[in-house]
């Protein structure tokens, strides 16, 4: 036979047979299943409906053909038709970080995080009919309280509960200052009669400082309570929405008679809140500040308003106890997010170079906050005598020259006196400091915005006959060193 002759029948048969064997062998898995045999499930005649198909309803291969990678991706639990896979695994599951660093949360906690955009404009009112919202006591120490679902209506604040024995006396929440500032504990039946069947809702976390006079520790106490609650309940919101000052008016002077005073643009003196207005906007830029007039608006409207979460501080009540700052569940770094906000606002949050993190290789900074421009200062907001001030300035300058320390001299006043530093200059000096010293007064608590380190120290000078534990309580809660100085001791 010549080479180009047509193949014989025998040769064609051999070629077809070889191609068939090759195809079946190359696809042996599908070939066996096509013939009705499923080795993974020991099933025969699967094409007749007696065995499972190659891919199950849940998208996985049959158990006999699964490998480690598939188990890692899909998991090895049983998937039942119409049910959530692994739904029973949350029973007994410990909370916290798992093997992949993911945080385990129960389904109840997960559902509370499924709202991506928060309340909408349509979520401003509730119709509760007979299921009136009841108040929950989350945390309480005299003068420090966290509540859920507090109701404002008709000039009063209502705690709605059928278990009043669980709640403290309202006088240990806020000090009773007037009949117009009334707190009441009422049953659900009484609440139905008084509050009606619908009302507004104030979403998120609201803070309240119920002090009748401003106090410079307000922000620290409120944030410490907020941080503790976040530690106890991880799903607690990270950020407060508003701060109520129900006893403090916007302006310190009486409202003018507009029939007599037409110059509405004239500036008026704002009330002292215990903290600088710039400070609040720098560290809590999204926190709305609501004064007595705003609080009265909510209380006196024709429908009740439910505050979803309320953190209350009253220094007149807490001053009767020994602990200014309850420290349970308060982590050492509880204030660092706020300090970091201030540093970022002032563009002073540069990280410390690695080769200068230890020892005195990095130049230290000392800031002296004085009140020499406050000529009318009293014993509570005193100032050093001119001789003592000059002696201290000279000693600090010599210390800076001898030891290579950088020293700042800043005024506690905000430029309203000749030569006074403005707020930003003073805070920038403090943020970069390791030591802050000054005479006793509310301005000294600005030292809380120093970056905490083993050397961070606050020195407080007391005038003769004066003493106060307020600064010490705050500085101690922040984990900084505190040194009081009284006359020559």
Foldseek 3Di string as FASTA:
>chain_A
DDPPDDDDPVVVVVVVVVVVVVVCVVPVQVNCVVQAAHPQVRGGNVVVVGDDDQADPVRHGPPSPDDPVVCVVPNDFDDDPPDDTPLVVLVPDDFDQDPVRDTDDHPVLVVVVPDDPPDDPVQFKDFAALNQDAKDWDDDDQQWTKMFWWKFAALEIEHEAPCCVVDDDVCSHANDDDPSYYYYYDYSVVCCVVFPGMFTEDDAEEEEEAELAAAQCRVVQQLQSQQLVCLVPVSRDPAGQEYEHQNADQAPDDDDDCVVDVPPVDDGHGGDRNDDPVLCCQQRVRYHYHYNVRSVVQNYDPHMYIYGMYIGGYCVGCVVDDAPHDCPSGDLCSCVSSLCSNCVSLVNPDDDDPVPPDDCPDAAEEEEEFAPQPPVDDQQRDGDDPVVVVVVVVVVVVVCVVPVHHYHYAYLDAPPGPPHHHPSVVLVSLQRHQEYEYEHDSSQLSNLSHDDDQRREYEYEHEPPDDDCVSVSSCVSNVGHYHYHYDPD
